[in-house]
Amino acid sequence: LPRRDTGIVYGTVTAIVNGQTVPVAGALVALVPKGIQLPTGPELPPPPLDMTVGQIVSAMQNPVKGIKGKMHPDNGHHWRRPLFTFTKADGSYELTGVPAGEYTAIAFKRGFGRDEKDISVPPNGRVEVNFVLRASFGIVRGKVTDAETGQPIKEALVFAICWGDPWFIWDGWEADDDHPDYWVRPIPLLSRHNGHGHGSGGHGGNRPTMPVPPPMPIIKPPVRTGTLTDADGNYQLLLPAGEYFISAVKEGYEWQGVQVTVEEGQTVTVNFSLSKIQPLPDLSGISVELLVKPQVRLGEMVTMQLKVRNNGNRPVTLTFTNPPEADFVVMTEDGSEIWRWSHGKVFIMGGINTLVVPPPVVLRPGDEKEYEVEWDQKDNDGNPVPAGTYLVQGILNTTPPIATEVKPLQIVP
């Protein structure tokens, strides 16, 4: 049965941004009953007017308790029901079942500010309460262009993530050598086989990666916003003051991002130059087989061979991500790497510190190419390994890399 001693509070939350009135989505609207004086102390949040969003929500979802767990004498049914909501996309909100009484109505959103009004809710009545916030933003604007042609890119997504937001996937970004202070997230390169593949290819560990920021405090609301570039490649974002990671994304291009400090009332220009993603070659007709003896004696040289064959009916061009063309890995039974053929080897041109990327290899139908190395049964630190069972894997450093199935290797005394 409907209660007769409750009313409805409804309205809108707007903000003045750059001289224009715009709706505010996701703003917190809360009703704090008057006449309830919350005690302060180490176990309780401060009074309502000084509460953060998280503290208001927490207080309204739980009965108010006094010091040492005693119920506060002013604790009534008002605080036993969560009298708060969040605005919809058009800035509207509605609170139903509000017990009749006197309230302080609060509207708040980070960056847009806060507005308060004293209201009275009559039994079985409707009360309209509209809030107008005063936004305090910084502006990030710029242009997104094609790195090869310099032409603007239309409808590229430019989004901002508050630095440290645990929602964002921070790993997988690498330093962009062509654009200082920028990062790129390239195409993921996957191994042909699951299990003990080494993943993204190469001899690893030599390319700088973006540091993982510390987790964001849970009381701090996240900021995640984005926009699309116009026909001229231009974009603009309004952001509260703080640290952000601004990224530009467009299908067919590598992602690019940069860390930006946004200050209130200031404009920061961030331009993006995106590189096109080269289509991956079809390597479905290529077979990669590892040949190694299943058993050797302790101290004996171990010969490993990698046989690459084109089983298709058309030529295939193998392109390589970095040296060497082929690599070999020895692991313990639990998959921990103890030796890699390329470990400690330097593949650079004489006189300059530049990696030599192997030239492409063309395999006609039926063609084969072999790679062979020897292992002296020492780990990457030069220490002899004991007798036991090990796992061996070969990797062809193509784009994408191809890893063979893992084969067991038993070293006997």
Protein backbone atom coordinates (compact mmCIF):
# COMPACT_ATOMS: atom_id res chain seq x y z
CA LEU A 1 0.00 0.00 0.00
CA PRO A 2 1.34 3.47 -0.79
CA ARG A 3 2.49 5.51 2.18
CA ARG A 4 0.64 8.78 2.75
CA ASP A 5 3.45 10.50 4.68
CA THR A 6 5.98 10.58 1.81
CA GLY A 7 6.57 12.87 -1.14
CA ILE A 8 8.58 13.13 -4.34
CA VAL A 9 11.56 15.39 -5.03
CA TYR A 10 12.50 15.88 -8.69
CA GLY A 11 14.28 18.36 -10.93
CA THR A 12 17.39 18.91 -13.03
CA VAL A 13 21.07 19.61 -12.50
CA THR A 14 22.71 21.94 -15.00
CA ALA A 15 26.01 23.77 -15.17
CA ILE A 16 27.30 26.89 -16.84
CA VAL A 17 30.21 25.90 -19.10
CA ASN A 18 31.88 28.49 -21.33
CA GLY A 19 28.85 30.72 -20.96
CA GLN A 20 26.38 28.00 -21.94
CA THR A 21 23.97 26.06 -19.74
CA VAL A 22 24.43 22.32 -20.19
CA PRO A 23 22.88 19.30 -18.43
CA VAL A 24 25.07 17.46 -15.93
CA ALA A 25 24.86 13.68 -16.10
CA GLY A 26 25.97 11.49 -13.21
CA ALA A 27 25.73 14.24 -10.58
CA LEU A 28 24.96 13.12 -7.03
CA VAL A 29 21.69 14.50 -5.62
CA ALA A 30 21.23 13.86 -1.89
CA LEU A 31 18.76 14.90 0.77
CA VAL A 32 20.23 15.40 4.24
CA PRO A 33 17.46 15.55 6.91
CA LYS A 34 17.58 18.64 9.08
CA GLY A 35 17.70 18.40 12.86
CA ILE A 36 20.19 15.54 12.88
CA GLN A 37 23.49 16.62 14.35
CA LEU A 38 26.10 13.98 13.75
CA PRO A 39 28.81 13.65 16.39
CA THR A 40 32.40 13.84 15.17
CA GLY A 41 35.20 11.56 16.16
CA PRO A 42 37.68 9.02 14.85
CA GLU A 43 34.91 6.52 14.13
CA LEU A 44 32.54 8.88 12.30
CA PRO A 45 32.67 11.13 9.23
CA PRO A 46 32.41 14.91 9.67
CA PRO A 47 29.00 16.65 9.70
CA PRO A 48 26.95 16.46 6.47
CA LEU A 49 27.99 19.83 5.02
CA ASP A 50 31.66 18.75 5.02
CA MET A 51 31.08 15.24 3.72
CA THR A 52 32.57 13.89 0.52
CA VAL A 53 30.36 12.09 -2.00
CA GLY A 54 31.48 8.70 -0.71
CA GLN A 55 30.78 9.65 2.91
CA ILE A 56 27.30 10.96 2.09
CA VAL A 57 26.40 7.75 0.26
CA SER A 58 27.86 5.61 3.05
CA ALA A 59 26.01 7.52 5.77
CA MET A 60 22.69 7.22 3.96
CA GLN A 61 23.07 3.51 3.33
CA ASN A 62 23.84 2.72 6.96
CA PRO A 63 22.19 3.76 10.23
CA VAL A 64 24.05 6.57 11.99
CA LYS A 65 25.96 5.25 14.99
CA GLY A 66 27.48 7.20 17.83
CA ILE A 67 30.81 6.78 19.50
CA LYS A 68 31.66 3.21 20.53
CA GLY A 69 28.81 1.79 18.47
CA LYS A 70 25.93 3.38 20.41
CA MET A 71 22.97 4.58 18.35
CA HIS A 72 22.77 8.33 18.17
CA PRO A 73 19.63 9.64 19.90
CA ASP A 74 18.63 11.66 16.81
CA ASN A 75 18.92 8.63 14.55
CA GLY A 76 15.58 8.28 12.80
CA HIS A 77 14.03 6.61 9.82
CA HIS A 78 15.39 9.36 7.54
CA TRP A 79 18.90 7.91 7.71
CA ARG A 80 17.74 4.32 7.40
CA ARG A 81 16.75 4.86 3.78
CA PRO A 82 19.24 6.04 1.16
CA LEU A 83 17.87 9.43 0.08
CA PHE A 84 20.17 9.97 -2.87
CA THR A 85 20.34 9.32 -6.59
CA PHE A 86 22.38 10.26 -9.67
CA THR A 87 21.21 12.35 -12.59
CA LYS A 88 20.44 10.82 -15.97
CA ALA A 89 22.05 11.79 -19.28
CA ASP A 90 19.70 14.77 -19.63
CA GLY A 91 20.53 16.01 -16.10
CA SER A 92 17.17 15.00 -14.64
CA TYR A 93 16.59 13.09 -11.41
CA GLU A 94 13.71 11.90 -9.21
CA LEU A 95 13.61 10.75 -5.58
CA THR A 96 10.44 8.90 -4.59
CA GLY A 97 9.22 7.81 -1.17
CA VAL A 98 10.84 10.76 0.62
CA PRO A 99 9.53 11.00 4.20
CA ALA A 100 7.83 14.34 4.82
CA GLY A 101 10.12 16.82 6.52
CA GLU A 102 12.81 19.47 6.20
CA TYR A 103 15.97 18.73 4.20
CA THR A 104 19.15 20.20 2.84
CA ALA A 105 19.24 19.19 -0.84
CA ILE A 106 22.76 18.80 -2.27
CA ALA A 107 23.92 18.40 -5.88
CA PHE A 108 27.57 17.65 -6.56
CA LYS A 109 29.90 16.48 -9.29
CA ARG A 110 33.65 16.77 -9.43
CA GLY A 111 34.73 19.63 -11.65
CA PHE A 112 31.20 21.07 -11.78
CA GLY A 113 31.10 22.18 -8.16
CA ARG A 114 28.28 21.92 -5.61
CA ASP A 115 24.92 23.53 -5.01
CA GLU A 116 22.67 23.35 -1.92
CA LYS A 117 19.07 24.30 -1.21
CA ASP A 118 16.82 24.11 1.86
CA ILE A 119 13.56 22.36 1.01
CA SER A 120 10.38 21.17 2.71
CA VAL A 121 8.70 17.97 1.53
CA PRO A 122 4.94 17.81 2.35
CA PRO A 123 3.08 14.51 2.72
CA ASN A 124 1.97 13.12 -0.63
CA GLY A 125 3.45 16.17 -2.42
CA ARG A 126 5.81 16.84 -5.32
CA VAL A 127 8.69 19.28 -4.89
CA GLU A 128 10.74 20.53 -7.83
CA VAL A 129 14.34 21.39 -6.98
CA ASN A 130 16.68 22.53 -9.76
CA PHE A 131 20.40 23.00 -9.26
CA VAL A 132 22.85 25.14 -11.21
CA LEU A 133 26.54 24.30 -10.79
CA ARG A 134 29.47 26.54 -11.63
CA ALA A 135 31.96 24.48 -13.61
CA SER A 136 35.72 24.91 -13.09
CA PHE A 137 37.60 23.20 -15.88
CA GLY A 138 40.76 23.21 -17.85
CA ILE A 139 40.68 22.63 -21.61
CA VAL A 140 42.63 20.06 -23.61
CA ARG A 141 42.40 20.61 -27.35
CA GLY A 142 44.37 19.61 -30.40
CA LYS A 143 44.39 17.86 -33.74
CA VAL A 144 44.71 14.23 -34.86
CA THR A 145 46.50 13.63 -38.16
CA ASP A 146 47.86 10.78 -40.26
CA ALA A 147 51.59 10.40 -39.59
CA GLU A 148 52.33 9.47 -43.20
CA THR A 149 50.21 11.98 -45.12
CA GLY A 150 49.69 14.71 -42.54
CA GLN A 151 45.98 14.77 -43.38
CA PRO A 152 43.44 15.23 -40.56
CA ILE A 153 41.69 12.12 -39.25
CA LYS A 154 37.93 12.47 -38.89
CA GLU A 155 36.00 10.76 -36.07
CA ALA A 156 39.06 9.61 -34.18
CA LEU A 157 38.23 8.90 -30.53
CA VAL A 158 40.18 11.06 -28.08
CA PHE A 159 39.59 10.06 -24.47
CA ALA A 160 40.95 11.12 -21.09
CA ILE A 161 41.48 8.81 -18.13
CA CYS A 162 42.34 10.17 -14.68
CA TRP A 163 45.94 9.13 -14.02
CA GLY A 164 46.03 6.08 -11.78
CA ASP A 165 42.46 4.98 -12.52
CA PRO A 166 42.56 1.19 -11.93
CA TRP A 167 39.88 0.73 -14.63
CA PHE A 168 42.41 1.60 -17.33
CA ILE A 169 44.78 -1.05 -18.70
CA TRP A 170 48.14 0.62 -18.20
CA ASP A 171 50.43 -2.19 -19.33
CA GLY A 172 50.94 -2.90 -23.01
CA TRP A 173 51.99 0.70 -23.80
CA GLU A 174 55.52 1.33 -25.06
CA ALA A 175 57.63 4.46 -25.44
CA ASP A 176 57.26 6.01 -28.89
CA ASP A 177 60.75 6.57 -30.30
CA ASP A 178 59.44 8.95 -32.97
CA HIS A 179 57.43 11.13 -30.57
CA PRO A 180 59.18 11.98 -27.26
CA ASP A 181 56.92 11.96 -24.19
CA TYR A 182 54.30 9.89 -26.05
CA TRP A 183 53.38 6.22 -25.72
CA VAL A 184 51.92 3.81 -28.26
CA ARG A 185 49.99 0.59 -27.84
CA PRO A 186 50.90 -1.58 -30.86
CA ILE A 187 49.11 -4.62 -32.24
CA PRO A 188 49.31 -7.57 -29.83
CA LEU A 189 51.61 -10.21 -31.29
CA LEU A 190 50.54 -13.71 -30.29
CA SER A 191 52.40 -16.99 -30.48
CA ARG A 192 51.13 -19.78 -32.73
CA HIS A 193 50.81 -22.21 -29.82
CA ASN A 194 49.49 -21.70 -26.32
CA GLY A 195 51.36 -22.68 -23.22
CA HIS A 196 54.96 -21.60 -22.91
CA GLY A 197 55.11 -19.15 -25.82
CA HIS A 198 57.06 -15.99 -25.12
CA GLY A 199 54.22 -13.77 -26.23
CA SER A 200 55.02 -10.49 -27.93
CA GLY A 201 58.21 -11.61 -29.64
CA GLY A 202 61.80 -10.40 -29.57
CA HIS A 203 64.40 -10.94 -26.93
CA GLY A 204 62.43 -8.79 -24.51
CA GLY A 205 63.46 -6.42 -21.76
CA ASN A 206 65.11 -3.82 -23.97
CA ARG A 207 62.17 -1.56 -24.87
CA PRO A 208 61.04 1.02 -22.30
CA THR A 209 57.48 0.69 -21.09
CA MET A 210 55.16 3.15 -19.42
CA PRO A 211 55.30 2.95 -15.62
CA VAL A 212 52.27 1.54 -13.86
CA PRO A 213 50.78 4.31 -11.68
CA PRO A 214 49.73 3.67 -8.10
CA PRO A 215 46.08 2.71 -7.46
CA MET A 216 43.70 5.64 -7.13
CA PRO A 217 42.24 6.25 -3.66
CA ILE A 218 38.74 4.81 -3.57
CA ILE A 219 37.23 8.03 -2.20
CA LYS A 220 38.33 9.96 -5.30
CA PRO A 221 35.75 9.71 -8.10
CA PRO A 222 37.17 8.67 -11.47
CA VAL A 223 37.10 10.93 -14.52
CA ARG A 224 36.64 9.18 -17.86
CA THR A 225 35.52 11.22 -20.82
CA GLY A 226 36.01 11.34 -24.55
CA THR A 227 35.00 12.93 -27.83
CA LEU A 228 35.32 12.43 -31.59
CA THR A 229 37.38 14.64 -33.87
CA ASP A 230 35.57 16.79 -36.41
CA ALA A 231 36.11 16.84 -40.20
CA ASP A 232 39.33 18.83 -39.69
CA GLY A 233 40.68 16.41 -37.07
CA ASN A 234 40.13 18.86 -34.19
CA TYR A 235 38.88 17.93 -30.71
CA GLN A 236 38.29 19.56 -27.33
CA LEU A 237 37.88 18.10 -23.83
CA LEU A 238 36.73 19.88 -20.66
CA LEU A 239 38.42 18.34 -17.61
CA PRO A 240 38.68 19.09 -13.90
CA ALA A 241 42.17 20.01 -12.75
CA GLY A 242 44.43 16.99 -12.35
CA GLU A 243 46.72 14.48 -14.07
CA TYR A 244 45.36 12.62 -17.10
CA PHE A 245 46.40 10.14 -19.75
CA ILE A 246 45.02 11.42 -23.06
CA SER A 247 44.77 8.83 -25.86
CA ALA A 248 43.83 9.00 -29.53
CA VAL A 249 42.27 5.93 -31.16
CA LYS A 250 41.15 5.25 -34.72
CA GLU A 251 40.48 1.94 -36.43
CA GLY A 252 43.42 1.01 -38.64
CA TYR A 253 45.91 3.09 -36.63
CA GLU A 254 48.14 2.46 -33.64
CA TRP A 255 46.85 4.00 -30.41
CA GLN A 256 48.85 6.93 -29.10
CA GLY A 257 48.77 8.57 -25.69
CA VAL A 258 50.47 11.18 -23.54
CA GLN A 259 50.35 12.25 -19.89
CA VAL A 260 48.91 15.75 -19.42
CA THR A 261 48.58 18.09 -16.44
CA VAL A 262 45.31 20.04 -16.56
CA GLU A 263 44.97 23.27 -14.56
CA GLU A 264 41.77 25.17 -13.90
CA GLY A 265 41.16 27.90 -16.46
CA GLN A 266 44.15 26.87 -18.59
CA THR A 267 44.24 25.44 -22.13
CA VAL A 268 46.65 22.65 -23.09
CA THR A 269 47.29 21.77 -26.73
CA VAL A 270 47.95 18.09 -27.45
CA ASN A 271 48.29 16.96 -31.07
CA PHE A 272 48.41 13.33 -32.17
CA SER A 273 50.11 11.88 -35.24
CA LEU A 274 48.86 8.32 -35.74
CA SER A 275 50.68 5.64 -37.71
CA LYS A 276 48.72 3.19 -39.81
CA ILE A 277 48.71 -0.44 -38.76
CA GLN A 278 50.25 -2.64 -41.40
CA PRO A 279 48.11 -5.71 -42.11
CA LEU A 280 49.57 -8.90 -40.72
CA PRO A 281 50.79 -11.39 -43.33
CA ASP A 282 49.02 -14.71 -43.76
CA LEU A 283 51.33 -17.28 -42.19
CA SER A 284 48.77 -20.08 -42.04
CA GLY A 285 50.75 -22.12 -44.58
CA ILE A 286 54.01 -21.87 -42.61
CA SER A 287 55.00 -24.76 -40.36
CA VAL A 288 57.67 -24.37 -37.70
CA GLU A 289 59.12 -27.55 -36.17
CA LEU A 290 61.61 -27.94 -33.36
CA LEU A 291 64.08 -30.84 -33.52
CA VAL A 292 65.98 -31.80 -30.38
CA LYS A 293 67.08 -35.09 -28.84
CA PRO A 294 64.71 -36.21 -26.08
CA GLN A 295 67.63 -37.32 -23.90
CA VAL A 296 71.25 -36.22 -23.51
CA ARG A 297 74.01 -36.80 -20.97
CA LEU A 298 75.06 -34.22 -18.40
CA GLY A 299 77.65 -31.84 -19.85
CA GLU A 300 76.98 -32.87 -23.47
CA MET A 301 76.34 -30.18 -26.11
CA VAL A 302 72.64 -30.07 -27.03
CA THR A 303 71.86 -29.43 -30.70
CA MET A 304 68.59 -27.64 -31.47
CA GLN A 305 67.14 -27.16 -34.94
CA LEU A 306 64.23 -25.04 -36.13
CA LYS A 307 62.77 -26.12 -39.48
CA VAL A 308 60.56 -23.60 -41.28
CA ARG A 309 58.59 -24.78 -44.31
CA ASN A 310 56.07 -23.17 -46.67
CA ASN A 311 53.32 -25.77 -47.10
CA GLY A 312 51.07 -23.42 -49.06
CA ASN A 313 50.66 -22.96 -52.79
CA ARG A 314 51.94 -19.37 -52.99
CA PRO A 315 55.12 -17.55 -51.91
CA VAL A 316 55.22 -16.15 -48.38
CA THR A 317 57.40 -13.24 -47.23
CA LEU A 318 58.62 -13.54 -43.65
CA THR A 319 59.25 -10.17 -42.00
CA PHE A 320 60.99 -9.96 -38.63
CA THR A 321 60.31 -7.72 -35.65
CA ASN A 322 63.87 -7.68 -34.30
CA PRO A 323 66.98 -9.86 -34.28
CA PRO A 324 67.59 -12.75 -34.32
CA GLU A 325 65.42 -14.44 -36.95
CA ALA A 326 65.06 -17.51 -34.74
CA ASP A 327 65.54 -18.04 -31.04
CA PHE A 328 65.61 -21.02 -28.67
CA VAL A 329 64.52 -21.22 -25.04
CA VAL A 330 65.12 -23.79 -22.29
CA MET A 331 62.78 -23.83 -19.30
CA THR A 332 62.28 -25.80 -16.13
CA GLU A 333 59.29 -28.11 -15.84
CA ASP A 334 57.21 -25.30 -14.29
CA GLY A 335 57.89 -23.02 -17.28
CA SER A 336 60.58 -20.80 -15.73
CA GLU A 337 63.11 -19.71 -18.36
CA ILE A 338 66.73 -20.60 -17.55
CA TRP A 339 68.42 -20.14 -20.95
CA ARG A 340 67.75 -18.22 -24.13
CA TRP A 341 70.09 -18.36 -27.11
CA SER A 342 69.89 -14.61 -27.75
CA HIS A 343 70.49 -13.70 -24.08
CA GLY A 344 73.48 -11.38 -23.76
CA LYS A 345 74.04 -11.17 -27.52
CA VAL A 346 74.12 -7.74 -29.14
CA PHE A 347 72.65 -7.40 -32.62
CA ILE A 348 73.77 -3.90 -33.64
CA MET A 349 75.45 -2.32 -36.62
CA GLY A 350 79.12 -1.55 -36.25
CA GLY A 351 79.83 1.88 -34.79
CA ILE A 352 76.19 2.80 -34.03
CA ASN A 353 73.89 1.59 -31.31
CA THR A 354 71.10 0.47 -33.64
CA LEU A 355 69.46 -2.93 -33.70
CA VAL A 356 69.85 -4.75 -37.01
CA VAL A 357 66.46 -6.05 -38.04
CA PRO A 358 66.91 -9.12 -40.27
CA PRO A 359 65.88 -8.61 -43.90
CA PRO A 360 62.67 -10.29 -45.15
CA VAL A 361 62.87 -13.93 -46.24
CA VAL A 362 60.79 -15.17 -49.19
CA LEU A 363 59.78 -18.83 -49.12
CA ARG A 364 58.32 -20.26 -52.32
CA PRO A 365 55.88 -23.19 -52.07
CA GLY A 366 57.76 -26.17 -50.68
CA ASP A 367 60.82 -24.11 -49.64
CA GLU A 368 62.44 -24.77 -46.27
CA LYS A 369 64.79 -22.79 -44.05
CA GLU A 370 66.67 -24.20 -41.07
CA TYR A 371 68.22 -22.62 -38.00
CA GLU A 372 70.60 -24.53 -35.72
CA VAL A 373 72.22 -23.68 -32.39
CA GLU A 374 74.02 -25.56 -29.61
CA TRP A 375 73.48 -25.34 -25.88
CA ASP A 376 76.32 -26.05 -23.47
CA GLN A 377 73.93 -26.88 -20.61
CA LYS A 378 74.62 -23.59 -18.82
CA ASP A 379 71.98 -21.10 -17.70
CA ASN A 380 71.84 -17.42 -18.64
CA ASP A 381 74.31 -16.62 -15.83
CA GLY A 382 76.84 -19.16 -17.07
CA ASN A 383 76.21 -21.75 -14.34
CA PRO A 384 75.98 -25.46 -15.27
CA VAL A 385 72.47 -26.87 -14.90
CA PRO A 386 71.88 -30.11 -12.95
CA ALA A 387 70.52 -33.33 -14.38
CA GLY A 388 66.75 -33.42 -14.70
CA THR A 389 63.83 -32.80 -17.06
CA TYR A 390 63.61 -29.54 -18.99
CA LEU A 391 61.37 -27.99 -21.64
CA VAL A 392 62.64 -26.64 -24.96
CA GLN A 393 60.90 -24.27 -27.36
CA GLY A 394 61.81 -22.58 -30.61
CA ILE A 395 60.59 -19.14 -31.70
CA LEU A 396 60.53 -17.64 -35.18
CA ASN A 397 60.59 -13.85 -34.69
CA THR A 398 58.29 -13.04 -37.58
CA THR A 399 55.42 -10.56 -37.54
CA PRO A 400 53.56 -12.02 -35.72
CA PRO A 401 56.05 -14.38 -34.02
CA ILE A 402 55.50 -18.12 -34.20
CA ALA A 403 56.40 -20.33 -31.25
CA THR A 404 56.74 -24.10 -31.59
CA GLU A 405 55.21 -26.67 -29.31
CA VAL A 406 57.22 -27.34 -26.16
CA LYS A 407 59.33 -30.50 -26.20
CA PRO A 408 60.76 -32.27 -23.14
CA LEU A 409 64.50 -32.69 -22.75
CA GLN A 410 65.92 -35.10 -20.18
CA ILE A 411 69.48 -34.60 -18.97
CA VAL A 412 70.78 -37.78 -17.37
CA PRO A 413 73.99 -38.23 -15.32
